[in-house]
Amino acid sequence: MAERILMIDDDDRLAGMVSDYLGGAGFRVTVAGTGRDGEAQLKRETFDAVILDLMLPDADGLDLCRRLRAGSDVPILMLTARGEPMDRVVGLELGADDYLAKPFEPRELQARLRAILRRRGGGTSPKGDVLRFGRLEIDKGARVVRVDGEERSITSHQFAILLALAERAGRVLSRDALMDLLKGEKLEAFDRSVDVHISRIRAAIEDDPKKPRRILTLRGSGYVFARDQDR
């Protein structure tokens, strides 16, 4: 079955070009020209991913991203002409899975969409695909994180970072080392975005994010995932 994409963008020419290109690649694309229409579409129908423009005629894209993330775990790819690092950081903080600045190559958009869809793939996993650290479970196959059996919401980028740390529990990883491990994840090429993601991961999995026991910071060195967390 073709994967369904909702594109929220008021640029008719761009939306038409993206629809034609992704349609030729096997996707089914629905276009909403306003934030209100986009939210209404998501309430009526199920989509596999959202392409969201920050500059909309009736809404701020960052506010819309926050609302979409609060009500759904659908992957969100921000597509915008606002390419400043702070916009990228805020978008990631609000739950966007990826960020692509205009102008862009349609092939790169397709590749990023496929990457976030692949990372969000569900299903059950063999026992060997589940990492357990006390009350924390990281299901590699289903790309799901649980604490005390309760699923916690993180983005696909954040899952990739958490998994990279957990698979190297007890080892200190610098920002550069993490970014090298995540080259295939399309992480933004500036190290402060790693800090943003770590903060969001802690908010999801730590009992007290201000006093983390799972992901620890070694000032000046990087991060370490603790082997023993619930003692």
N, C-alpha and C. Protein backbone atom coordinates (compact mmCIF):
# COMPACT_ATOMS: atom_id res chain seq x y z
N MET A 1 0.84 -1.20 0.00
CA MET A 1 0.00 0.00 0.00
C MET A 1 0.88 1.25 0.00
N ALA A 2 0.52 2.22 -0.83
CA ALA A 2 1.32 3.45 -0.93
C ALA A 2 1.26 4.23 0.39
N GLU A 3 2.41 4.77 0.78
CA GLU A 3 2.45 5.56 2.00
C GLU A 3 1.87 6.94 1.73
N ARG A 4 1.09 7.42 2.70
CA ARG A 4 0.36 8.67 2.52
C ARG A 4 1.10 9.82 3.20
N ILE A 5 1.27 10.90 2.43
CA ILE A 5 1.99 12.07 2.90
C ILE A 5 1.06 13.27 2.88
N LEU A 6 1.02 14.02 3.97
CA LEU A 6 0.27 15.28 4.00
C LEU A 6 1.28 16.42 3.90
N MET A 7 1.14 17.26 2.88
CA MET A 7 2.02 18.42 2.71
C MET A 7 1.22 19.67 3.05
N ILE A 8 1.67 20.40 4.07
CA ILE A 8 1.01 21.65 4.48
C ILE A 8 1.88 22.80 4.02
N ASP A 9 1.48 23.42 2.91
CA ASP A 9 2.30 24.46 2.28
C ASP A 9 1.39 25.28 1.36
N ASP A 10 1.52 26.60 1.42
CA ASP A 10 0.65 27.46 0.60
C ASP A 10 1.25 27.79 -0.76
N ASP A 11 2.42 27.27 -1.07
CA ASP A 11 3.06 27.50 -2.36
C ASP A 11 2.54 26.46 -3.35
N ASP A 12 1.57 26.85 -4.16
CA ASP A 12 0.92 25.90 -5.06
C ASP A 12 1.89 25.28 -6.05
N ARG A 13 2.82 26.10 -6.57
CA ARG A 13 3.76 25.58 -7.57
C ARG A 13 4.67 24.52 -6.94
N LEU A 14 5.19 24.83 -5.75
CA LEU A 14 6.07 23.88 -5.08
C LEU A 14 5.30 22.62 -4.69
N ALA A 15 4.09 22.81 -4.16
CA ALA A 15 3.29 21.66 -3.74
C ALA A 15 2.98 20.75 -4.93
N GLY A 16 2.72 21.36 -6.08
CA GLY A 16 2.46 20.57 -7.27
C GLY A 16 3.69 19.79 -7.71
N MET A 17 4.84 20.44 -7.66
CA MET A 17 6.08 19.77 -8.04
C MET A 17 6.39 18.60 -7.11
N VAL A 18 6.25 18.84 -5.79
CA VAL A 18 6.53 17.79 -4.82
C VAL A 18 5.54 16.64 -4.98
N SER A 19 4.27 16.97 -5.18
CA SER A 19 3.24 15.93 -5.37
C SER A 19 3.55 15.06 -6.57
N ASP A 20 3.93 15.69 -7.68
CA ASP A 20 4.23 14.94 -8.90
C ASP A 20 5.45 14.04 -8.69
N TYR A 21 6.50 14.60 -8.05
CA TYR A 21 7.73 13.83 -7.87
C TYR A 21 7.52 12.66 -6.92
N LEU A 22 6.90 12.94 -5.77
CA LEU A 22 6.68 11.87 -4.80
C LEU A 22 5.65 10.87 -5.30
N GLY A 23 4.67 11.37 -6.06
CA GLY A 23 3.70 10.44 -6.65
C GLY A 23 4.37 9.46 -7.58
N GLY A 24 5.34 9.94 -8.36
CA GLY A 24 6.08 9.06 -9.24
C GLY A 24 6.95 8.07 -8.51
N ALA A 25 7.25 8.38 -7.22
CA ALA A 25 8.07 7.49 -6.40
C ALA A 25 7.22 6.52 -5.58
N GLY A 26 5.90 6.60 -5.76
CA GLY A 26 5.03 5.63 -5.09
C GLY A 26 4.29 6.15 -3.88
N PHE A 27 4.43 7.43 -3.56
CA PHE A 27 3.71 8.00 -2.43
C PHE A 27 2.34 8.53 -2.88
N ARG A 28 1.42 8.64 -1.94
CA ARG A 28 0.16 9.35 -2.17
C ARG A 28 0.20 10.65 -1.39
N VAL A 29 0.16 11.77 -2.09
CA VAL A 29 0.34 13.08 -1.45
C VAL A 29 -0.97 13.86 -1.44
N THR A 30 -1.32 14.36 -0.26
CA THR A 30 -2.45 15.27 -0.09
C THR A 30 -1.89 16.63 0.30
N VAL A 31 -2.38 17.69 -0.34
CA VAL A 31 -1.87 19.04 -0.07
C VAL A 31 -2.91 19.86 0.67
N ALA A 32 -2.48 20.54 1.73
CA ALA A 32 -3.32 21.50 2.45
C ALA A 32 -2.61 22.85 2.38
N GLY A 33 -3.35 23.89 1.95
CA GLY A 33 -2.73 25.19 1.74
C GLY A 33 -2.66 26.07 2.98
N THR A 34 -3.31 25.65 4.07
CA THR A 34 -3.29 26.43 5.31
C THR A 34 -3.09 25.49 6.50
N GLY A 35 -2.69 26.07 7.61
CA GLY A 35 -2.54 25.27 8.81
C GLY A 35 -3.86 24.68 9.26
N ARG A 36 -4.93 25.47 9.15
CA ARG A 36 -6.24 24.99 9.57
C ARG A 36 -6.67 23.78 8.74
N ASP A 37 -6.48 23.87 7.42
CA ASP A 37 -6.84 22.75 6.56
C ASP A 37 -5.99 21.51 6.89
N GLY A 38 -4.70 21.74 7.18
CA GLY A 38 -3.83 20.63 7.50
C GLY A 38 -4.27 19.90 8.77
N GLU A 39 -4.59 20.67 9.81
CA GLU A 39 -5.05 20.06 11.05
C GLU A 39 -6.36 19.30 10.83
N ALA A 40 -7.25 19.87 10.02
CA ALA A 40 -8.52 19.20 9.74
C ALA A 40 -8.30 17.88 9.00
N GLN A 41 -7.37 17.90 8.04
CA GLN A 41 -7.06 16.67 7.29
C GLN A 41 -6.55 15.58 8.23
N LEU A 42 -5.67 15.95 9.15
CA LEU A 42 -5.10 14.97 10.08
C LEU A 42 -6.16 14.39 11.01
N LYS A 43 -7.18 15.16 11.33
CA LYS A 43 -8.25 14.66 12.18
C LYS A 43 -9.16 13.70 11.42
N ARG A 44 -9.31 13.94 10.11
CA ARG A 44 -10.22 13.11 9.31
C ARG A 44 -9.57 11.84 8.79
N GLU A 45 -8.25 11.92 8.48
CA GLU A 45 -7.58 10.82 7.80
C GLU A 45 -6.27 10.46 8.49
N THR A 46 -5.75 9.31 8.10
CA THR A 46 -4.48 8.84 8.66
C THR A 46 -3.38 9.03 7.62
N PHE A 47 -2.27 9.63 8.06
CA PHE A 47 -1.13 9.85 7.18
C PHE A 47 0.12 9.21 7.80
N ASP A 48 1.05 8.85 6.93
CA ASP A 48 2.29 8.24 7.38
C ASP A 48 3.36 9.27 7.73
N ALA A 49 3.25 10.48 7.17
CA ALA A 49 4.21 11.55 7.47
C ALA A 49 3.61 12.88 7.03
N VAL A 50 4.15 13.96 7.63
CA VAL A 50 3.72 15.32 7.29
C VAL A 50 4.93 16.13 6.84
N ILE A 51 4.77 16.85 5.72
CA ILE A 51 5.75 17.85 5.29
C ILE A 51 5.15 19.20 5.66
N LEU A 52 5.81 19.93 6.54
CA LEU A 52 5.23 21.14 7.11
C LEU A 52 6.09 22.36 6.81
N ASP A 53 5.47 23.38 6.19
CA ASP A 53 6.15 24.64 5.94
C ASP A 53 6.01 25.54 7.16
N LEU A 54 7.07 26.23 7.54
CA LEU A 54 7.00 27.15 8.68
C LEU A 54 6.19 28.41 8.36
N MET A 55 6.24 28.86 7.11
CA MET A 55 5.62 30.13 6.73
C MET A 55 4.27 29.87 6.09
N LEU A 56 3.23 29.90 6.90
CA LEU A 56 1.87 29.66 6.43
C LEU A 56 1.04 30.93 6.56
N PRO A 57 0.00 31.10 5.73
CA PRO A 57 -0.76 32.36 5.76
C PRO A 57 -1.59 32.54 7.02
N ASP A 58 -1.96 31.44 7.68
CA ASP A 58 -2.87 31.55 8.83
C ASP A 58 -2.28 31.02 10.13
N ALA A 59 -1.03 30.58 10.10
CA ALA A 59 -0.46 29.99 11.31
C ALA A 59 1.05 30.03 11.26
N ASP A 60 1.67 30.07 12.44
CA ASP A 60 3.11 29.92 12.52
C ASP A 60 3.43 28.44 12.51
N GLY A 61 4.34 28.05 11.63
CA GLY A 61 4.65 26.64 11.48
C GLY A 61 5.18 25.99 12.74
N LEU A 62 5.93 26.75 13.55
CA LEU A 62 6.45 26.19 14.79
C LEU A 62 5.32 25.89 15.79
N ASP A 63 4.36 26.81 15.88
CA ASP A 63 3.21 26.57 16.75
C ASP A 63 2.41 25.36 16.25
N LEU A 64 2.25 25.28 14.94
CA LEU A 64 1.51 24.16 14.36
C LEU A 64 2.23 22.85 14.62
N CYS A 65 3.56 22.86 14.51
CA CYS A 65 4.35 21.67 14.81
C CYS A 65 4.10 21.21 16.24
N ARG A 66 4.07 22.15 17.16
CA ARG A 66 3.84 21.82 18.57
C ARG A 66 2.48 21.15 18.74
N ARG A 67 1.45 21.70 18.08
CA ARG A 67 0.11 21.14 18.22
C ARG A 67 0.03 19.75 17.60
N LEU A 68 0.65 19.60 16.43
CA LEU A 68 0.62 18.29 15.77
C LEU A 68 1.32 17.24 16.62
N ARG A 69 2.46 17.60 17.19
CA ARG A 69 3.21 16.65 18.00
C ARG A 69 2.46 16.30 19.28
N ALA A 70 1.73 17.27 19.84
CA ALA A 70 0.97 17.00 21.07
C ALA A 70 -0.16 16.01 20.83
N GLY A 71 -0.71 16.03 19.60
CA GLY A 71 -1.86 15.18 19.33
C GLY A 71 -1.57 13.93 18.54
N SER A 72 -0.31 13.75 18.07
CA SER A 72 -0.02 12.61 17.20
C SER A 72 1.47 12.34 17.20
N ASP A 73 1.83 11.10 16.87
CA ASP A 73 3.26 10.77 16.72
C ASP A 73 3.65 10.64 15.26
N VAL A 74 2.83 11.20 14.35
CA VAL A 74 3.15 11.15 12.92
C VAL A 74 4.48 11.85 12.67
N PRO A 75 5.39 11.27 11.90
CA PRO A 75 6.66 11.94 11.59
C PRO A 75 6.43 13.28 10.89
N ILE A 76 7.23 14.28 11.27
CA ILE A 76 7.10 15.62 10.70
C ILE A 76 8.43 16.04 10.09
N LEU A 77 8.40 16.41 8.82
CA LEU A 77 9.57 16.95 8.14
C LEU A 77 9.28 18.42 7.85
N MET A 78 10.09 19.30 8.43
CA MET A 78 9.91 20.74 8.19
C MET A 78 10.58 21.13 6.89
N LEU A 79 9.82 21.83 6.06
CA LEU A 79 10.30 22.27 4.76
C LEU A 79 10.10 23.77 4.69
N THR A 80 11.20 24.54 4.68
CA THR A 80 11.04 25.98 4.84
C THR A 80 12.22 26.75 4.29
N ALA A 81 11.96 28.02 4.01
CA ALA A 81 13.02 28.92 3.57
C ALA A 81 13.75 29.53 4.75
N ARG A 82 13.22 29.32 5.96
CA ARG A 82 13.86 29.85 7.17
C ARG A 82 14.94 28.88 7.60
N GLY A 83 16.18 29.15 7.19
CA GLY A 83 17.25 28.19 7.42
C GLY A 83 18.19 28.55 8.55
N GLU A 84 17.81 29.51 9.40
CA GLU A 84 18.69 29.90 10.50
C GLU A 84 18.82 28.76 11.51
N PRO A 85 20.02 28.58 12.09
CA PRO A 85 20.21 27.51 13.07
C PRO A 85 19.19 27.52 14.19
N MET A 86 18.80 28.71 14.70
CA MET A 86 17.86 28.75 15.80
C MET A 86 16.50 28.19 15.40
N ASP A 87 16.07 28.44 14.16
CA ASP A 87 14.82 27.87 13.69
C ASP A 87 14.90 26.35 13.68
N ARG A 88 16.04 25.82 13.25
CA ARG A 88 16.21 24.37 13.22
C ARG A 88 16.16 23.80 14.64
N VAL A 89 16.86 24.48 15.55
CA VAL A 89 16.89 24.01 16.94
C VAL A 89 15.48 24.00 17.53
N VAL A 90 14.74 25.12 17.35
CA VAL A 90 13.40 25.20 17.90
C VAL A 90 12.50 24.14 17.28
N GLY A 91 12.61 23.95 15.97
CA GLY A 91 11.80 22.92 15.31
C GLY A 91 12.08 21.54 15.88
N LEU A 92 13.34 21.22 16.11
CA LEU A 92 13.71 19.93 16.68
C LEU A 92 13.20 19.81 18.11
N GLU A 93 13.29 20.91 18.87
CA GLU A 93 12.80 20.90 20.24
C GLU A 93 11.30 20.62 20.29
N LEU A 94 10.57 21.13 19.31
CA LEU A 94 9.12 20.96 19.30
C LEU A 94 8.69 19.61 18.77
N GLY A 95 9.64 18.81 18.28
CA GLY A 95 9.28 17.45 17.90
C GLY A 95 9.40 17.12 16.44
N ALA A 96 9.91 18.04 15.60
CA ALA A 96 10.10 17.70 14.19
C ALA A 96 11.14 16.58 14.07
N ASP A 97 10.92 15.68 13.12
CA ASP A 97 11.85 14.57 12.91
C ASP A 97 13.00 14.93 12.00
N ASP A 98 12.79 15.88 11.12
CA ASP A 98 13.86 16.30 10.21
C ASP A 98 13.54 17.69 9.70
N TYR A 99 14.51 18.29 9.02
CA TYR A 99 14.42 19.70 8.62
C TYR A 99 15.14 19.85 7.29
N LEU A 100 14.44 20.37 6.30
CA LEU A 100 15.03 20.56 4.97
C LEU A 100 14.76 21.99 4.52
N ALA A 101 15.82 22.74 4.24
CA ALA A 101 15.68 24.14 3.85
C ALA A 101 15.48 24.27 2.35
N LYS A 102 14.66 25.24 1.96
CA LYS A 102 14.48 25.59 0.55
C LYS A 102 15.64 26.48 0.11
N PRO A 103 16.06 26.40 -1.17
CA PRO A 103 15.64 25.42 -2.17
C PRO A 103 16.26 24.05 -1.89
N PHE A 104 15.63 23.01 -2.39
CA PHE A 104 16.08 21.66 -2.11
C PHE A 104 15.94 20.81 -3.37
N GLU A 105 16.64 19.68 -3.36
CA GLU A 105 16.52 18.72 -4.44
C GLU A 105 15.41 17.74 -4.10
N PRO A 106 14.45 17.51 -5.00
CA PRO A 106 13.38 16.56 -4.72
C PRO A 106 13.89 15.19 -4.31
N ARG A 107 15.03 14.79 -4.86
CA ARG A 107 15.57 13.49 -4.51
C ARG A 107 15.96 13.44 -3.04
N GLU A 108 16.50 14.56 -2.51
CA GLU A 108 16.85 14.59 -1.09
C GLU A 108 15.61 14.55 -0.22
N LEU A 109 14.55 15.26 -0.62
CA LEU A 109 13.29 15.22 0.12
C LEU A 109 12.77 13.78 0.19
N GLN A 110 12.79 13.10 -0.94
CA GLN A 110 12.33 11.71 -0.96
C GLN A 110 13.18 10.84 -0.04
N ALA A 111 14.50 11.03 -0.09
CA ALA A 111 15.39 10.22 0.75
C ALA A 111 15.12 10.47 2.23
N ARG A 112 14.91 11.71 2.60
CA ARG A 112 14.66 12.02 4.01
C ARG A 112 13.31 11.47 4.46
N LEU A 113 12.32 11.55 3.59
CA LEU A 113 11.01 10.97 3.93
C LEU A 113 11.13 9.47 4.16
N ARG A 114 11.82 8.80 3.26
CA ARG A 114 11.96 7.35 3.41
C ARG A 114 12.72 7.01 4.69
N ALA A 115 13.70 7.85 5.05
CA ALA A 115 14.47 7.60 6.25
C ALA A 115 13.61 7.72 7.51
N ILE A 116 12.80 8.78 7.60
CA ILE A 116 11.98 8.93 8.81
C ILE A 116 10.87 7.89 8.85
N LEU A 117 10.36 7.49 7.70
CA LEU A 117 9.35 6.43 7.67
C LEU A 117 9.95 5.09 8.08
N ARG A 118 11.16 4.85 7.63
CA ARG A 118 11.84 3.60 8.00
C ARG A 118 12.11 3.57 9.50
N ARG A 119 12.55 4.70 10.06
CA ARG A 119 12.84 4.75 11.48
C ARG A 119 11.59 4.62 12.33
N ARG A 120 10.45 5.04 11.77
CA ARG A 120 9.20 4.95 12.52
C ARG A 120 8.46 3.64 12.28
N GLY A 121 9.04 2.73 11.52
CA GLY A 121 8.35 1.48 11.24
C GLY A 121 8.00 0.73 12.51
N GLY A 122 6.77 0.25 12.60
CA GLY A 122 6.30 -0.42 13.81
C GLY A 122 6.47 -1.91 13.73
N GLY A 123 5.74 -2.59 14.60
CA GLY A 123 5.78 -4.04 14.63
C GLY A 123 6.42 -4.56 15.90
N THR A 124 6.27 -5.87 16.12
CA THR A 124 6.87 -6.47 17.29
C THR A 124 8.28 -6.92 16.95
N SER A 125 9.10 -7.08 17.97
CA SER A 125 10.51 -7.37 17.75
C SER A 125 10.90 -8.64 18.50
N PRO A 126 11.87 -9.38 17.97
CA PRO A 126 12.41 -10.51 18.72
C PRO A 126 13.04 -10.01 20.01
N LYS A 127 13.14 -10.92 21.01
CA LYS A 127 13.68 -10.51 22.30
C LYS A 127 15.08 -9.93 22.18
N GLY A 128 15.87 -10.44 21.24
CA GLY A 128 17.23 -9.95 21.08
C GLY A 128 17.30 -8.53 20.56
N ASP A 129 16.17 -8.01 20.06
CA ASP A 129 16.13 -6.65 19.56
C ASP A 129 15.67 -5.65 20.61
N VAL A 130 15.52 -6.09 21.84
CA VAL A 130 15.09 -5.20 22.92
C VAL A 130 16.22 -5.07 23.94
N LEU A 131 16.69 -3.83 24.14
CA LEU A 131 17.70 -3.55 25.16
C LEU A 131 16.99 -3.17 26.45
N ARG A 132 17.43 -3.75 27.56
CA ARG A 132 16.79 -3.47 28.85
C ARG A 132 17.82 -2.95 29.83
N PHE A 133 17.47 -1.84 30.47
CA PHE A 133 18.31 -1.22 31.50
C PHE A 133 17.39 -0.89 32.67
N GLY A 134 17.24 -1.85 33.59
CA GLY A 134 16.31 -1.65 34.69
C GLY A 134 14.89 -1.51 34.17
N ARG A 135 14.27 -0.37 34.47
CA ARG A 135 12.88 -0.12 34.06
C ARG A 135 12.76 0.39 32.63
N LEU A 136 13.89 0.65 31.99
CA LEU A 136 13.90 1.20 30.63
C LEU A 136 14.07 0.09 29.59
N GLU A 137 13.21 0.10 28.57
CA GLU A 137 13.31 -0.82 27.44
C GLU A 137 13.45 -0.03 26.15
N ILE A 138 14.40 -0.45 25.30
CA ILE A 138 14.58 0.18 23.99
C ILE A 138 14.37 -0.91 22.95
N ASP A 139 13.25 -0.82 22.26
CA ASP A 139 12.88 -1.83 21.26
C ASP A 139 13.43 -1.39 19.90
N LYS A 140 14.51 -2.03 19.48
CA LYS A 140 15.19 -1.62 18.25
C LYS A 140 14.35 -1.90 17.01
N GLY A 141 13.63 -3.01 17.01
CA GLY A 141 12.84 -3.36 15.83
C GLY A 141 11.65 -2.46 15.63
N ALA A 142 10.92 -2.21 16.73
CA ALA A 142 9.72 -1.38 16.65
C ALA A 142 10.02 0.11 16.78
N ARG A 143 11.29 0.45 17.11
CA ARG A 143 11.69 1.85 17.31
C ARG A 143 10.84 2.50 18.40
N VAL A 144 10.71 1.81 19.52
CA VAL A 144 9.86 2.26 20.62
C VAL A 144 10.67 2.23 21.91
N VAL A 145 10.42 3.22 22.78
CA VAL A 145 11.05 3.30 24.10
C VAL A 145 9.96 3.19 25.16
N ARG A 146 10.23 2.37 26.18
CA ARG A 146 9.26 2.21 27.26
C ARG A 146 9.94 2.36 28.61
N VAL A 147 9.23 2.96 29.55
CA VAL A 147 9.65 3.01 30.95
C VAL A 147 8.53 2.41 31.77
N ASP A 148 8.85 1.37 32.56
CA ASP A 148 7.84 0.64 33.32
C ASP A 148 6.73 0.12 32.41
N GLY A 149 7.09 -0.26 31.19
CA GLY A 149 6.13 -0.81 30.24
C GLY A 149 5.30 0.22 29.51
N GLU A 150 5.47 1.50 29.86
CA GLU A 150 4.71 2.58 29.23
C GLU A 150 5.53 3.23 28.13
N GLU A 151 4.95 3.29 26.94
CA GLU A 151 5.66 3.87 25.80
C GLU A 151 5.87 5.36 26.00
N ARG A 152 7.08 5.81 25.71
CA ARG A 152 7.42 7.23 25.82
C ARG A 152 7.62 7.81 24.42
N SER A 153 7.16 9.02 24.22
CA SER A 153 7.18 9.64 22.90
C SER A 153 8.48 10.40 22.65
N ILE A 154 9.25 9.95 21.66
CA ILE A 154 10.42 10.68 21.19
C ILE A 154 10.44 10.62 19.67
N THR A 155 11.15 11.54 19.04
CA THR A 155 11.22 11.56 17.59
C THR A 155 12.18 10.49 17.09
N SER A 156 12.16 10.26 15.80
CA SER A 156 13.05 9.25 15.22
C SER A 156 14.52 9.63 15.38
N HIS A 157 14.86 10.92 15.26
CA HIS A 157 16.24 11.35 15.51
C HIS A 157 16.64 11.05 16.94
N GLN A 158 15.74 11.34 17.86
CA GLN A 158 16.04 11.13 19.27
C GLN A 158 16.19 9.64 19.57
N PHE A 159 15.38 8.81 18.93
CA PHE A 159 15.54 7.36 19.12
C PHE A 159 16.92 6.92 18.62
N ALA A 160 17.33 7.44 17.48
CA ALA A 160 18.64 7.05 16.93
C ALA A 160 19.77 7.44 17.87
N ILE A 161 19.68 8.63 18.48
CA ILE A 161 20.70 9.06 19.42
C ILE A 161 20.68 8.18 20.67
N LEU A 162 19.48 7.93 21.20
CA LEU A 162 19.37 7.08 22.39
C LEU A 162 19.93 5.69 22.13
N LEU A 163 19.62 5.13 20.97
CA LEU A 163 20.12 3.79 20.64
C LEU A 163 21.64 3.78 20.52
N ALA A 164 22.19 4.81 19.89
CA ALA A 164 23.65 4.88 19.75
C ALA A 164 24.33 4.92 21.11
N LEU A 165 23.75 5.66 22.04
CA LEU A 165 24.30 5.73 23.39
C LEU A 165 24.12 4.41 24.14
N ALA A 166 22.92 3.83 24.06
CA ALA A 166 22.62 2.61 24.81
C ALA A 166 23.46 1.43 24.34
N GLU A 167 23.71 1.35 23.04
CA GLU A 167 24.52 0.25 22.51
C GLU A 167 25.98 0.37 22.93
N ARG A 168 26.34 1.54 23.45
CA ARG A 168 27.72 1.78 23.92
C ARG A 168 27.69 2.20 25.39
N ALA A 169 26.79 1.58 26.15
CA ALA A 169 26.61 1.94 27.57
C ALA A 169 27.93 1.88 28.31
N GLY A 170 28.16 2.92 29.10
CA GLY A 170 29.39 3.00 29.88
C GLY A 170 30.52 3.72 29.18
N ARG A 171 30.35 4.00 27.88
CA ARG A 171 31.39 4.70 27.13
C ARG A 171 31.01 6.17 26.97
N VAL A 172 31.98 7.05 27.10
CA VAL A 172 31.75 8.48 26.88
C VAL A 172 31.79 8.75 25.38
N LEU A 173 30.74 9.42 24.90
CA LEU A 173 30.66 9.80 23.49
C LEU A 173 30.58 11.32 23.38
N SER A 174 31.51 11.91 22.66
CA SER A 174 31.46 13.35 22.42
C SER A 174 30.37 13.67 21.40
N ARG A 175 30.05 14.95 21.26
CA ARG A 175 29.08 15.35 20.23
C ARG A 175 29.57 14.91 18.85
N ASP A 176 30.85 15.11 18.57
CA ASP A 176 31.40 14.72 17.26
C ASP A 176 31.25 13.22 17.05
N ALA A 177 31.53 12.42 18.09
CA ALA A 177 31.41 10.98 17.96
C ALA A 177 29.97 10.57 17.68
N LEU A 178 29.02 11.20 18.37
CA LEU A 178 27.62 10.91 18.13
C LEU A 178 27.21 11.26 16.70
N MET A 179 27.66 12.42 16.22
CA MET A 179 27.29 12.83 14.88
C MET A 179 27.91 11.92 13.83
N ASP A 180 29.11 11.42 14.09
CA ASP A 180 29.72 10.45 13.17
C ASP A 180 28.89 9.17 13.13
N LEU A 181 28.41 8.72 14.28
CA LEU A 181 27.60 7.50 14.33
C LEU A 181 26.26 7.69 13.64
N LEU A 182 25.79 8.94 13.57
CA LEU A 182 24.45 9.22 13.04
C LEU A 182 24.48 9.87 11.67
N LYS A 183 25.56 9.71 10.94
CA LYS A 183 25.65 10.35 9.63
C LYS A 183 24.51 9.94 8.71
N GLY A 184 24.09 8.71 8.80
CA GLY A 184 22.98 8.26 7.96
C GLY A 184 21.64 8.74 8.42
N GLU A 185 21.59 9.43 9.58
CA GLU A 185 20.32 9.88 10.13
C GLU A 185 19.98 11.31 9.74
N LYS A 186 20.83 11.95 8.94
CA LYS A 186 20.59 13.33 8.48
C LYS A 186 20.50 14.32 9.63
N LEU A 187 21.28 14.11 10.69
CA LEU A 187 21.31 15.06 11.78
C LEU A 187 21.91 16.37 11.29
N GLU A 188 21.36 17.49 11.76
CA GLU A 188 21.86 18.78 11.31
C GLU A 188 23.34 18.94 11.66
N ALA A 189 24.08 19.59 10.79
CA ALA A 189 25.54 19.65 10.91
C ALA A 189 25.99 20.79 11.83
N PHE A 190 25.48 20.82 13.04
CA PHE A 190 26.01 21.73 14.04
C PHE A 190 25.75 21.09 15.40
N ASP A 191 26.78 21.10 16.26
CA ASP A 191 26.75 20.20 17.40
C ASP A 191 25.72 20.56 18.45
N ARG A 192 25.25 21.80 18.51
CA ARG A 192 24.29 22.14 19.55
C ARG A 192 22.97 21.40 19.38
N SER A 193 22.64 20.95 18.17
CA SER A 193 21.40 20.20 17.99
C SER A 193 21.43 18.91 18.76
N VAL A 194 22.60 18.33 19.00
CA VAL A 194 22.71 17.12 19.81
C VAL A 194 22.23 17.42 21.22
N ASP A 195 22.63 18.57 21.77
CA ASP A 195 22.19 18.94 23.12
C ASP A 195 20.66 19.08 23.18
N VAL A 196 20.08 19.64 22.14
CA VAL A 196 18.62 19.79 22.09
C VAL A 196 17.96 18.42 22.16
N HIS A 197 18.44 17.49 21.35
CA HIS A 197 17.86 16.15 21.33
C HIS A 197 18.04 15.45 22.68
N ILE A 198 19.22 15.56 23.27
CA ILE A 198 19.46 14.92 24.56
C ILE A 198 18.49 15.45 25.61
N SER A 199 18.27 16.75 25.60
CA SER A 199 17.34 17.35 26.55
C SER A 199 15.94 16.77 26.40
N ARG A 200 15.50 16.60 25.15
CA ARG A 200 14.17 16.04 24.90
C ARG A 200 14.10 14.57 25.29
N ILE A 201 15.17 13.83 25.04
CA ILE A 201 15.20 12.42 25.43
C ILE A 201 15.09 12.29 26.94
N ARG A 202 15.85 13.12 27.65
CA ARG A 202 15.79 13.09 29.12
C ARG A 202 14.38 13.40 29.62
N ALA A 203 13.72 14.36 28.99
CA ALA A 203 12.36 14.70 29.41
C ALA A 203 11.43 13.51 29.26
N ALA A 204 11.72 12.65 28.29
CA ALA A 204 10.86 11.50 28.03
C ALA A 204 11.16 10.30 28.93
N ILE A 205 12.45 10.07 29.26
CA ILE A 205 12.80 8.80 29.91
C ILE A 205 13.31 8.93 31.34
N GLU A 206 13.66 10.12 31.77
CA GLU A 206 14.20 10.29 33.12
C GLU A 206 13.07 10.55 34.12
N ASP A 207 13.23 10.06 35.35
CA ASP A 207 12.27 10.38 36.40
C ASP A 207 12.35 11.86 36.74
N ASP A 208 13.56 12.39 36.77
CA ASP A 208 13.78 13.82 37.00
C ASP A 208 14.81 14.30 35.98
N PRO A 209 14.36 14.91 34.88
CA PRO A 209 15.29 15.32 33.83
C PRO A 209 16.39 16.26 34.31
N LYS A 210 16.14 16.98 35.41
CA LYS A 210 17.16 17.89 35.94
C LYS A 210 18.25 17.14 36.71
N LYS A 211 17.94 15.91 37.11
CA LYS A 211 18.91 15.06 37.80
C LYS A 211 18.94 13.70 37.10
N PRO A 212 19.45 13.68 35.87
CA PRO A 212 19.38 12.45 35.07
C PRO A 212 20.21 11.31 35.65
N ARG A 213 19.70 10.09 35.50
CA ARG A 213 20.42 8.90 35.94
C ARG A 213 20.68 7.94 34.78
N ARG A 214 20.09 8.23 33.62
CA ARG A 214 20.27 7.35 32.47
C ARG A 214 21.28 7.91 31.48
N ILE A 215 21.08 9.14 31.08
CA ILE A 215 22.05 9.80 30.18
C ILE A 215 22.76 10.88 30.98
N LEU A 216 24.04 10.68 31.21
CA LEU A 216 24.83 11.58 32.05
C LEU A 216 25.71 12.48 31.19
N THR A 217 25.94 13.69 31.65
CA THR A 217 26.82 14.64 30.98
C THR A 217 28.17 14.67 31.68
N LEU A 218 29.23 14.48 30.92
CA LEU A 218 30.58 14.69 31.43
C LEU A 218 31.08 15.99 30.82
N ARG A 219 31.02 17.03 31.61
CA ARG A 219 31.31 18.37 31.10
C ARG A 219 32.67 18.41 30.41
N GLY A 220 32.64 18.91 29.18
CA GLY A 220 33.86 19.03 28.39
C GLY A 220 34.21 17.77 27.63
N SER A 221 33.47 16.68 27.88
CA SER A 221 33.79 15.41 27.22
C SER A 221 32.64 14.89 26.36
N GLY A 222 31.41 14.94 26.89
CA GLY A 222 30.29 14.43 26.12
C GLY A 222 29.26 13.77 27.00
N TYR A 223 28.66 12.68 26.50
CA TYR A 223 27.58 12.01 27.20
C TYR A 223 27.94 10.54 27.40
N VAL A 224 27.38 9.97 28.46
CA VAL A 224 27.55 8.54 28.71
C VAL A 224 26.21 7.96 29.14
N PHE A 225 25.87 6.81 28.58
CA PHE A 225 24.65 6.10 28.95
C PHE A 225 24.99 5.15 30.09
N ALA A 226 24.32 5.32 31.23
CA ALA A 226 24.65 4.55 32.43
C ALA A 226 24.19 3.11 32.32
N ARG A 227 25.07 2.18 32.70
CA ARG A 227 24.69 0.75 32.71
C ARG A 227 23.71 0.46 33.84
N ASP A 228 23.98 0.99 35.03
CA ASP A 228 23.13 0.79 36.20
C ASP A 228 22.38 2.08 36.46
N GLN A 229 21.03 2.01 36.34
CA GLN A 229 20.25 3.24 36.35
C GLN A 229 19.25 3.36 37.49
N ASP A 230 18.80 2.26 38.04
CA ASP A 230 17.67 2.32 38.98
C ASP A 230 18.04 1.87 40.38
N ARG A 231 19.33 1.94 40.72
CA ARG A 231 19.74 1.58 42.08
C ARG A 231 19.54 2.73 43.03
